[in-house]
């Protein structure tokens, strides 16, 4: 386990983890089951892992192995102990059927399988069932690295599921396309800012031109108003003068008539 970055020794030294290794052919199925019961009773674990259960087929047929594992599963469930069983599969077999016929007793079933594509073999992991729990139906790429186990989203596209170098190449192409889209967006944003600045500059120029023309027109209107006032005053003055002239002539005319009347007498 250290080869993939998982150190279990510290848990063993603390008494939190215990290994029991035994060859299947050392004892029969009943003795294996009895030893597992005794170990669980002594250690009182919260999790038990049996790896792999298919090895029991070396000392018993499928029916006997299923009966023994069924009793073990019932024992673990009765004690509310979480159990994880691994089962080896053979190439060409139906991977969605366990060789020891206990899959129906399991609450969750994870399947790890080799997927061949583009001249590579890569591990894929997906959930066949998880009783009473919402779960994904997507395949994940299962990687064993120096830093532990990693699950990577497999690329699913028009060409199907891509893993390994094909997935890495596709991811690189998508990143390059994303960079191109980002550059295009930045260029469009710069163009939009430039047009906005040009629009604002034109708006300022038009506003300045409008204010200049408005001031000129208002000044012309004021001057015209003043001229009209002057003309109106002049017209009133002329009218007043004309009325004065008419009155003097009339008075003179009346005087002349009077004078002429006096002479006739």
C-alpha atoms as a PDB file:
ATOM      1  CA  UNK A   1       0.000   0.000   0.000  1.00  0.00           C
ATOM      2  CA  UNK A   2       2.947   2.320   0.473  1.00  0.00           C
ATOM      3  CA  UNK A   3       3.598   2.049  -3.264  1.00  0.00           C
ATOM      4  CA  UNK A   4       0.426   4.068  -3.888  1.00  0.00           C
ATOM      5  CA  UNK A   5       0.984   6.517  -1.034  1.00  0.00           C
ATOM      6  CA  UNK A   6      -1.141   4.815   1.654  1.00  0.00           C
ATOM      7  CA  UNK A   7       0.587   4.101   4.964  1.00  0.00           C
ATOM      8  CA  UNK A   8      -1.396   1.618   7.061  1.00  0.00           C
ATOM      9  CA  UNK A   9       1.369   0.688   9.517  1.00  0.00           C
ATOM     10  CA  UNK A  10       0.624   3.595  11.867  1.00  0.00           C
ATOM     11  CA  UNK A  11      -2.965   2.400  12.248  1.00  0.00           C
ATOM     12  CA  UNK A  12      -1.791  -1.135  12.982  1.00  0.00           C
ATOM     13  CA  UNK A  13       0.581   0.125  15.707  1.00  0.00           C
ATOM     14  CA  UNK A  14      -2.241   2.145  17.276  1.00  0.00           C
ATOM     15  CA  UNK A  15      -4.446  -0.929  17.398  1.00  0.00           C
ATOM     16  CA  UNK A  16      -7.003   0.549  15.009  1.00  0.00           C
ATOM     17  CA  UNK A  17      -6.358  -1.882  12.175  1.00  0.00           C
ATOM     18  CA  UNK A  18      -5.764  -5.636  12.205  1.00  0.00           C
ATOM     19  CA  UNK A  19      -4.834  -8.016   9.413  1.00  0.00           C
ATOM     20  CA  UNK A  20      -5.547 -11.742   9.373  1.00  0.00           C
ATOM     21  CA  UNK A  21      -3.943 -13.529   6.456  1.00  0.00           C
ATOM     22  CA  UNK A  22      -4.750 -17.137   5.635  1.00  0.00           C
ATOM     23  CA  UNK A  23      -4.644 -19.283   2.556  1.00  0.00           C
ATOM     24  CA  UNK A  24      -8.070 -20.586   1.549  1.00  0.00           C
ATOM     25  CA  UNK A  25      -6.738 -24.142   1.387  1.00  0.00           C
ATOM     26  CA  UNK A  26      -5.496 -24.077   5.000  1.00  0.00           C
ATOM     27  CA  UNK A  27      -8.955 -24.799   6.480  1.00  0.00           C
ATOM     28  CA  UNK A  28     -12.390 -25.647   5.296  1.00  0.00           C
ATOM     29  CA  UNK A  29     -15.267 -23.158   4.876  1.00  0.00           C
ATOM     30  CA  UNK A  30     -16.720 -23.848   8.337  1.00  0.00           C
ATOM     31  CA  UNK A  31     -13.393 -23.265  10.067  1.00  0.00           C
ATOM     32  CA  UNK A  32     -12.778 -20.085   8.118  1.00  0.00           C
ATOM     33  CA  UNK A  33     -16.202 -18.816   9.181  1.00  0.00           C
ATOM     34  CA  UNK A  34     -15.560 -19.757  12.841  1.00  0.00           C
ATOM     35  CA  UNK A  35     -12.181 -17.987  12.861  1.00  0.00           C
ATOM     36  CA  UNK A  36     -13.722 -14.843  11.357  1.00  0.00           C
ATOM     37  CA  UNK A  37     -16.433 -14.889  14.051  1.00  0.00           C
ATOM     38  CA  UNK A  38     -13.849 -15.249  16.813  1.00  0.00           C
ATOM     39  CA  UNK A  39     -11.659 -12.468  15.447  1.00  0.00           C
ATOM     40  CA  UNK A  40     -14.628 -10.051  15.138  1.00  0.00           C
ATOM     41  CA  UNK A  41     -15.774 -10.872  18.663  1.00  0.00           C
ATOM     42  CA  UNK A  42     -12.289 -10.180  20.072  1.00  0.00           C
ATOM     43  CA  UNK A  43     -11.431  -7.061  18.054  1.00  0.00           C
ATOM     44  CA  UNK A  44     -14.943  -5.493  17.835  1.00  0.00           C
ATOM     45  CA  UNK A  45     -14.297  -3.647  14.562  1.00  0.00           C
ATOM     46  CA  UNK A  46     -16.653  -1.165  12.965  1.00  0.00           C
ATOM     47  CA  UNK A  47     -15.555  -2.215   9.456  1.00  0.00           C
ATOM     48  CA  UNK A  48     -14.618  -5.665   8.138  1.00  0.00           C
ATOM     49  CA  UNK A  49     -13.057  -6.276   4.734  1.00  0.00           C
ATOM     50  CA  UNK A  50     -12.758  -9.692   3.095  1.00  0.00           C
ATOM     51  CA  UNK A  51     -10.437  -9.777   0.088  1.00  0.00           C
ATOM     52  CA  UNK A  52     -11.390 -11.632  -2.056  1.00  0.00           C
ATOM     53  CA  UNK A  53     -14.431 -13.779  -1.395  1.00  0.00           C
ATOM     54  CA  UNK A  54     -13.974 -15.638  -4.687  1.00  0.00           C
ATOM     55  CA  UNK A  55     -10.930 -17.443  -3.201  1.00  0.00           C
ATOM     56  CA  UNK A  56     -13.332 -19.535  -1.115  1.00  0.00           C
ATOM     57  CA  UNK A  57     -14.366 -21.248  -4.348  1.00  0.00           C
ATOM     58  CA  UNK A  58     -11.010 -23.057  -4.170  1.00  0.00           C
ATOM     59  CA  UNK A  59     -12.275 -25.132  -1.215  1.00  0.00           C
ATOM     60  CA  UNK A  60     -15.989 -25.320  -1.932  1.00  0.00           C
ATOM     61  CA  UNK A  61     -18.470 -25.186  -4.762  1.00  0.00           C
ATOM     62  CA  UNK A  62     -20.686 -22.164  -5.471  1.00  0.00           C
ATOM     63  CA  UNK A  63     -23.588 -23.394  -3.342  1.00  0.00           C
ATOM     64  CA  UNK A  64     -21.419 -24.108  -0.276  1.00  0.00           C
ATOM     65  CA  UNK A  65     -19.509 -20.842  -0.679  1.00  0.00           C
ATOM     66  CA  UNK A  66     -22.767 -18.881  -1.007  1.00  0.00           C
ATOM     67  CA  UNK A  67     -24.147 -20.505   2.163  1.00  0.00           C
ATOM     68  CA  UNK A  68     -20.990 -19.708   4.119  1.00  0.00           C
ATOM     69  CA  UNK A  69     -20.887 -16.074   2.922  1.00  0.00           C
ATOM     70  CA  UNK A  70     -24.605 -15.626   3.580  1.00  0.00           C
ATOM     71  CA  UNK A  71     -24.076 -16.662   7.187  1.00  0.00           C
ATOM     72  CA  UNK A  72     -21.114 -14.273   7.448  1.00  0.00           C
ATOM     73  CA  UNK A  73     -23.125 -11.383   5.989  1.00  0.00           C
ATOM     74  CA  UNK A  74     -26.021 -12.035   8.372  1.00  0.00           C
ATOM     75  CA  UNK A  75     -23.559 -12.127  11.287  1.00  0.00           C
ATOM     76  CA  UNK A  76     -22.049  -8.757  10.283  1.00  0.00           C
ATOM     77  CA  UNK A  77     -25.441  -7.105   9.702  1.00  0.00           C
ATOM     78  CA  UNK A  78     -26.717  -8.354  13.048  1.00  0.00           C
ATOM     79  CA  UNK A  79     -23.797  -6.592  14.737  1.00  0.00           C
ATOM     80  CA  UNK A  80     -24.261  -3.475  12.530  1.00  0.00           C
ATOM     81  CA  UNK A  81     -20.731  -3.802  11.162  1.00  0.00           C
ATOM     82  CA  UNK A  82     -19.955  -2.267   7.803  1.00  0.00           C
ATOM     83  CA  UNK A  83     -18.548  -4.933   5.485  1.00  0.00           C
ATOM     84  CA  UNK A  84     -16.654  -4.608   2.242  1.00  0.00           C
ATOM     85  CA  UNK A  85     -16.180  -7.720   0.121  1.00  0.00           C
ATOM     86  CA  UNK A  86     -14.062  -7.838  -3.016  1.00  0.00           C
ATOM     87  CA  UNK A  87     -14.698 -10.325  -5.778  1.00  0.00           C
ATOM     88  CA  UNK A  88     -12.311 -11.149  -8.604  1.00  0.00           C
ATOM     89  CA  UNK A  89     -13.805 -11.465 -12.057  1.00  0.00           C
ATOM     90  CA  UNK A  90     -12.531 -13.343 -15.078  1.00  0.00           C
ATOM     91  CA  UNK A  91     -12.308 -11.944 -18.561  1.00  0.00           C
ATOM     92  CA  UNK A  92     -15.282 -12.807 -20.713  1.00  0.00           C
ATOM     93  CA  UNK A  93     -17.600 -13.418 -17.763  1.00  0.00           C
ATOM     94  CA  UNK A  94     -20.674 -11.362 -17.119  1.00  0.00           C
ATOM     95  CA  UNK A  95     -19.209  -8.614 -14.948  1.00  0.00           C
ATOM     96  CA  UNK A  96     -22.627  -7.689 -13.577  1.00  0.00           C
ATOM     97  CA  UNK A  97     -23.022 -11.047 -11.858  1.00  0.00           C
ATOM     98  CA  UNK A  98     -20.933 -12.195  -8.895  1.00  0.00           C
ATOM     99  CA  UNK A  99     -19.352 -15.637  -9.099  1.00  0.00           C
ATOM    100  CA  UNK A 100     -20.485 -16.526  -5.570  1.00  0.00           C
ATOM    101  CA  UNK A 101     -24.079 -15.286  -6.043  1.00  0.00           C
ATOM    102  CA  UNK A 102     -24.235 -12.936  -3.043  1.00  0.00           C
ATOM    103  CA  UNK A 103     -24.666  -9.641  -4.917  1.00  0.00           C
ATOM    104  CA  UNK A 104     -28.348  -9.492  -3.960  1.00  0.00           C
ATOM    105  CA  UNK A 105     -27.348  -9.398  -0.278  1.00  0.00           C
ATOM    106  CA  UNK A 106     -25.138  -6.329  -0.756  1.00  0.00           C
ATOM    107  CA  UNK A 107     -26.420  -2.799  -0.278  1.00  0.00           C
ATOM    108  CA  UNK A 108     -23.897  -1.277  -2.689  1.00  0.00           C
ATOM    109  CA  UNK A 109     -21.940  -2.717  -5.589  1.00  0.00           C
ATOM    110  CA  UNK A 110     -18.964  -1.022  -7.214  1.00  0.00           C
ATOM    111  CA  UNK A 111     -17.466  -2.420 -10.374  1.00  0.00           C
ATOM    112  CA  UNK A 112     -13.855  -1.901 -11.439  1.00  0.00           C
ATOM    113  CA  UNK A 113     -13.113  -3.067 -14.972  1.00  0.00           C
ATOM    114  CA  UNK A 114     -10.449  -2.662 -17.606  1.00  0.00           C
ATOM    115  CA  UNK A 115     -11.511  -0.591 -20.588  1.00  0.00           C
ATOM    116  CA  UNK A 116      -9.492  -0.905 -23.778  1.00  0.00           C
ATOM    117  CA  UNK A 117      -9.372   2.037 -26.185  1.00  0.00           C
ATOM    118  CA  UNK A 118      -6.766   3.583 -28.484  1.00  0.00           C
ATOM    119  CA  UNK A 119      -4.303   0.784 -27.761  1.00  0.00           C
ATOM    120  CA  UNK A 120      -4.462   1.319 -23.987  1.00  0.00           C
ATOM    121  CA  UNK A 121      -5.994  -0.467 -21.034  1.00  0.00           C
ATOM    122  CA  UNK A 122      -7.389   1.808 -18.353  1.00  0.00           C
ATOM    123  CA  UNK A 123      -9.361   1.112 -15.200  1.00  0.00           C
ATOM    124  CA  UNK A 124     -12.930   2.308 -15.039  1.00  0.00           C
ATOM    125  CA  UNK A 125     -15.106   2.484 -11.916  1.00  0.00           C
ATOM    126  CA  UNK A 126     -18.855   2.832 -11.712  1.00  0.00           C
ATOM    127  CA  UNK A 127     -21.709   1.989  -9.359  1.00  0.00           C
ATOM    128  CA  UNK A 128     -23.909  -0.927 -10.292  1.00  0.00           C
ATOM    129  CA  UNK A 129     -26.265  -0.306  -7.388  1.00  0.00           C
ATOM    130  CA  UNK A 130     -26.510   1.586  -4.110  1.00  0.00           C
ATOM    131  CA  UNK A 131     -29.638   0.552  -2.290  1.00  0.00           C
ATOM    132  CA  UNK A 132     -31.630   3.517  -0.995  1.00  0.00           C
ATOM    133  CA  UNK A 133     -28.941   6.037  -1.971  1.00  0.00           C
ATOM    134  CA  UNK A 134     -28.953   8.429  -4.921  1.00  0.00           C
ATOM    135  CA  UNK A 135     -25.835   7.810  -6.990  1.00  0.00           C
ATOM    136  CA  UNK A 136     -24.199   8.688 -10.283  1.00  0.00           C
ATOM    137  CA  UNK A 137     -24.428   6.442 -13.323  1.00  0.00           C
ATOM    138  CA  UNK A 138     -21.255   7.857 -14.876  1.00  0.00           C
ATOM    139  CA  UNK A 139     -18.013   5.946 -15.379  1.00  0.00           C
ATOM    140  CA  UNK A 140     -14.934   7.348 -13.620  1.00  0.00           C
ATOM    141  CA  UNK A 141     -11.351   6.586 -14.466  1.00  0.00           C
ATOM    142  CA  UNK A 142      -9.739   4.724 -11.560  1.00  0.00           C
ATOM    143  CA  UNK A 143      -6.068   5.655 -11.050  1.00  0.00           C
ATOM    144  CA  UNK A 144      -3.461   4.206  -8.674  1.00  0.00           C
ATOM    145  CA  UNK A 145      -0.895   6.958  -8.138  1.00  0.00           C
ATOM    146  CA  UNK A 146       1.969   7.743  -5.775  1.00  0.00           C
ATOM    147  CA  UNK A 147      -0.491   9.873  -3.798  1.00  0.00           C
ATOM    148  CA  UNK A 148      -3.214   7.297  -3.386  1.00  0.00           C
ATOM    149  CA  UNK A 149      -6.291   6.395  -5.359  1.00  0.00           C
ATOM    150  CA  UNK A 150      -7.752   9.054  -7.607  1.00  0.00           C
ATOM    151  CA  UNK A 151     -11.003   9.137  -9.519  1.00  0.00           C
ATOM    152  CA  UNK A 152     -10.936  11.174 -12.706  1.00  0.00           C
ATOM    153  CA  UNK A 153     -13.975  12.171 -14.725  1.00  0.00           C
ATOM    154  CA  UNK A 154     -13.902  10.194 -17.941  1.00  0.00           C
ATOM    155  CA  UNK A 155     -14.499  12.255 -21.051  1.00  0.00           C
ATOM    156  CA  UNK A 156     -17.770  11.341 -22.730  1.00  0.00           C
ATOM    157  CA  UNK A 157     -18.236  12.802 -26.168  1.00  0.00           C
ATOM    158  CA  UNK A 158     -19.238  11.958 -29.703  1.00  0.00           C
ATOM    159  CA  UNK A 159     -16.413   9.417 -29.869  1.00  0.00           C
ATOM    160  CA  UNK A 160     -17.561   7.623 -26.717  1.00  0.00           C
ATOM    161  CA  UNK A 161     -15.758   7.335 -23.389  1.00  0.00           C
ATOM    162  CA  UNK A 162     -12.137   8.511 -23.483  1.00  0.00           C
ATOM    163  CA  UNK A 163      -9.612   7.513 -20.833  1.00  0.00           C
ATOM    164  CA  UNK A 164      -5.864   7.664 -20.332  1.00  0.00           C
ATOM    165  CA  UNK A 165      -3.863   9.540 -22.975  1.00  0.00           C
ATOM    166  CA  UNK A 166      -6.966   9.989 -25.148  1.00  0.00           C
ATOM    167  CA  UNK A 167      -8.708  11.787 -22.292  1.00  0.00           C
ATOM    168  CA  UNK A 168      -5.581  13.879 -21.579  1.00  0.00           C
ATOM    169  CA  UNK A 169      -5.350  14.876 -25.256  1.00  0.00           C
ATOM    170  CA  UNK A 170      -9.022  15.789 -25.331  1.00  0.00           C
ATOM    171  CA  UNK A 171      -8.679  17.807 -22.128  1.00  0.00           C
ATOM    172  CA  UNK A 172      -5.667  19.629 -23.620  1.00  0.00           C
ATOM    173  CA  UNK A 173      -7.651  20.451 -26.758  1.00  0.00           C
ATOM    174  CA  UNK A 174     -10.558  21.702 -24.673  1.00  0.00           C
ATOM    175  CA  UNK A 175      -8.218  23.885 -22.610  1.00  0.00           C
ATOM    176  CA  UNK A 176      -6.702  25.334 -25.791  1.00  0.00           C
ATOM    177  CA  UNK A 177     -10.189  25.992 -27.152  1.00  0.00           C
ATOM    178  CA  UNK A 178     -11.138  27.606 -23.849  1.00  0.00           C
ATOM    179  CA  UNK A 179      -8.079  29.860 -24.055  1.00  0.00           C
ATOM    180  CA  UNK A 180      -9.053  30.837 -27.618  1.00  0.00           C
ATOM    181  CA  UNK A 181     -12.619  31.601 -26.508  1.00  0.00           C
ATOM    182  CA  UNK A 182     -11.262  33.656 -23.623  1.00  0.00           C
ATOM    183  CA  UNK A 183      -9.018  35.654 -25.964  1.00  0.00           C
ATOM    184  CA  UNK A 184     -11.936  36.266 -28.328  1.00  0.00           C
ATOM    185  CA  UNK A 185     -14.098  37.426 -25.431  1.00  0.00           C
ATOM    186  CA  UNK A 186     -11.350  39.768 -24.188  1.00  0.00           C
ATOM    187  CA  UNK A 187     -10.937  41.188 -27.690  1.00  0.00           C
ATOM    188  CA  UNK A 188     -14.680  41.777 -27.986  1.00  0.00           C
ATOM    189  CA  UNK A 189     -14.738  43.397 -24.554  1.00  0.00           C
ATOM    190  CA  UNK A 190     -11.892  45.732 -25.565  1.00  0.00           C
ATOM    191  CA  UNK A 191     -13.739  46.575 -28.778  1.00  0.00           C
ATOM    192  CA  UNK A 192     -16.894  47.250 -26.796  1.00  0.00           C
ATOM    193  CA  UNK A 193     -15.011  49.538 -24.374  1.00  0.00           C
ATOM    194  CA  UNK A 194     -13.425  51.372 -27.310  1.00  0.00           C
ATOM    195  CA  UNK A 195     -16.809  51.913 -28.938  1.00  0.00           C
ATOM    196  CA  UNK A 196     -18.244  53.073 -25.626  1.00  0.00           C
ATOM    197  CA  UNK A 197     -15.411  55.554 -25.152  1.00  0.00           C
ATOM    198  CA  UNK A 198     -15.906  56.784 -28.749  1.00  0.00           C
ATOM    199  CA  UNK A 199     -19.634  57.098 -28.151  1.00  0.00           C
ATOM    200  CA  UNK A 200     -19.088  59.045 -24.935  1.00  0.00           C
ATOM    201  CA  UNK A 201     -16.568  61.335 -26.668  1.00  0.00           C
ATOM    202  CA  UNK A 202     -19.011  61.971 -29.504  1.00  0.00           C
ATOM    203  CA  UNK A 203     -21.765  62.567 -26.987  1.00  0.00           C
ATOM    204  CA  UNK A 204     -19.618  65.152 -25.184  1.00  0.00           C
ATOM    205  CA  UNK A 205     -18.762  66.840 -28.504  1.00  0.00           C
ATOM    206  CA  UNK A 206     -22.424  66.908 -29.569  1.00  0.00           C
ATOM    207  CA  UNK A 207     -23.426  68.290 -26.186  1.00  0.00           C
ATOM    208  CA  UNK A 208     -20.795  71.014 -26.420  1.00  0.00           C
ATOM    209  CA  UNK A 209     -21.894  71.859 -29.972  1.00  0.00           C
ATOM    210  CA  UNK A 210     -25.524  71.935 -28.872  1.00  0.00           C
ATOM    211  CA  UNK A 211     -24.748  74.257 -25.967  1.00  0.00           C
ATOM    212  CA  UNK A 212     -22.772  76.591 -28.239  1.00  0.00           C
ATOM    213  CA  UNK A 213     -25.553  76.728 -30.839  1.00  0.00           C
ATOM    214  CA  UNK A 214     -28.155  77.100 -28.100  1.00  0.00           C
ATOM    215  CA  UNK A 215     -26.302  80.061 -26.575  1.00  0.00           C
ATOM    216  CA  UNK A 216     -25.967  81.677 -30.021  1.00  0.00           C
ATOM    217  CA  UNK A 217     -29.657  81.213 -30.805  1.00  0.00           C
ATOM    218  CA  UNK A 218     -30.717  82.502 -27.376  1.00  0.00           C
ATOM    219  CA  UNK A 219     -28.463  85.547 -27.823  1.00  0.00           C
ATOM    220  CA  UNK A 220     -29.934  86.196 -31.271  1.00  0.00           C
ATOM    221  CA  UNK A 221     -33.425  85.834 -29.890  1.00  0.00           C
ATOM    222  CA  UNK A 222     -32.603  88.279 -27.093  1.00  0.00           C
ATOM    223  CA  UNK A 223     -31.168  90.759 -29.561  1.00  0.00           C
ATOM    224  CA  UNK A 224     -34.226  90.403 -31.768  1.00  0.00           C
ATOM    225  CA  UNK A 225     -36.444  90.926 -28.761  1.00  0.00           C
ATOM    226  CA  UNK A 226     -34.551  94.078 -27.854  1.00  0.00           C
ATOM    227  CA  UNK A 227     -34.803  95.364 -31.455  1.00  0.00           C
ATOM    228  CA  UNK A 228     -38.534  94.707 -31.433  1.00  0.00           C
ATOM    229  CA  UNK A 229     -38.842  96.641 -28.184  1.00  0.00           C
ATOM    230  CA  UNK A 230     -36.884  99.544 -29.660  1.00  0.00           C
ATOM    231  CA  UNK A 231     -39.027  99.499 -32.786  1.00  0.00           C
ATOM    232  CA  UNK A 232     -42.180  99.415 -30.681  1.00  0.00           C
ATOM    233  CA  UNK A 233     -40.979 102.391 -28.653  1.00  0.00           C
ATOM    234  CA  UNK A 234     -40.120 104.284 -31.828  1.00  0.00           C
ATOM    235  CA  UNK A 235     -43.527 103.531 -33.291  1.00  0.00           C
ATOM    236  CA  UNK A 236     -45.211 104.821 -30.178  1.00  0.00           C
ATOM    237  CA  UNK A 237     -43.113 107.956 -30.273  1.00  0.00           C
ATOM    238  CA  UNK A 238     -43.892 108.510 -33.948  1.00  0.00           C
ATOM    239  CA  UNK A 239     -47.564 107.931 -33.294  1.00  0.00           C
ATOM    240  CA  UNK A 240     -47.477 110.397 -30.427  1.00  0.00           C
ATOM    241  CA  UNK A 241     -45.753 112.986 -32.551  1.00  0.00           C
ATOM    242  CA  UNK A 242     -48.228 112.500 -35.355  1.00  0.00           C
ATOM    243  CA  UNK A 243     -51.149 112.961 -33.022  1.00  0.00           C
ATOM    244  CA  UNK A 244     -49.589 116.182 -31.696  1.00  0.00           C
ATOM    245  CA  UNK A 245     -49.158 117.539 -35.227  1.00  0.00           C
ATOM    246  CA  UNK A 246     -52.775 116.781 -36.112  1.00  0.00           C
ATOM    247  CA  UNK A 247     -54.024 118.589 -33.024  1.00  0.00           C
ATOM    248  CA  UNK A 248     -52.024 121.745 -33.820  1.00  0.00           C
ATOM    249  CA  UNK A 249     -53.303 121.909 -37.355  1.00  0.00           C
ATOM    250  CA  UNK A 250     -56.842 121.513 -36.179  1.00  0.00           C
ATOM    251  CA  UNK A 251     -56.447 124.273 -33.642  1.00  0.00           C
ATOM    252  CA  UNK A 252     -54.950 126.471 -36.238  1.00  0.00           C
ATOM    253  CA  UNK A 253     -57.757 125.683 -38.597  1.00  0.00           C
ATOM    254  CA  UNK A 254     -60.378 126.523 -36.034  1.00  0.00           C
ATOM    255  CA  UNK A 255     -58.701 129.824 -35.304  1.00  0.00           C
ATOM    256  CA  UNK A 256     -58.625 130.745 -38.914  1.00  0.00           C
ATOM    257  CA  UNK A 257     -62.288 130.053 -39.261  1.00  0.00           C
ATOM    258  CA  UNK A 258     -63.028 132.185 -36.304  1.00  0.00           C
ATOM    259  CA  UNK A 259     -60.970 135.000 -37.691  1.00  0.00           C
ATOM    260  CA  UNK A 260     -62.669 134.821 -40.972  1.00  0.00           C
ATOM    261  CA  UNK A 261     -66.053 134.984 -39.321  1.00  0.00           C
ATOM    262  CA  UNK A 262     -65.073 138.091 -37.386  1.00  0.00           C
ATOM    263  CA  UNK A 263     -64.025 139.903 -40.485  1.00  0.00           C
ATOM    264  CA  UNK A 264     -67.269 139.295 -42.252  1.00  0.00           C
ATOM    265  CA  UNK A 265     -69.077 141.062 -39.558  1.00  0.00           C
END
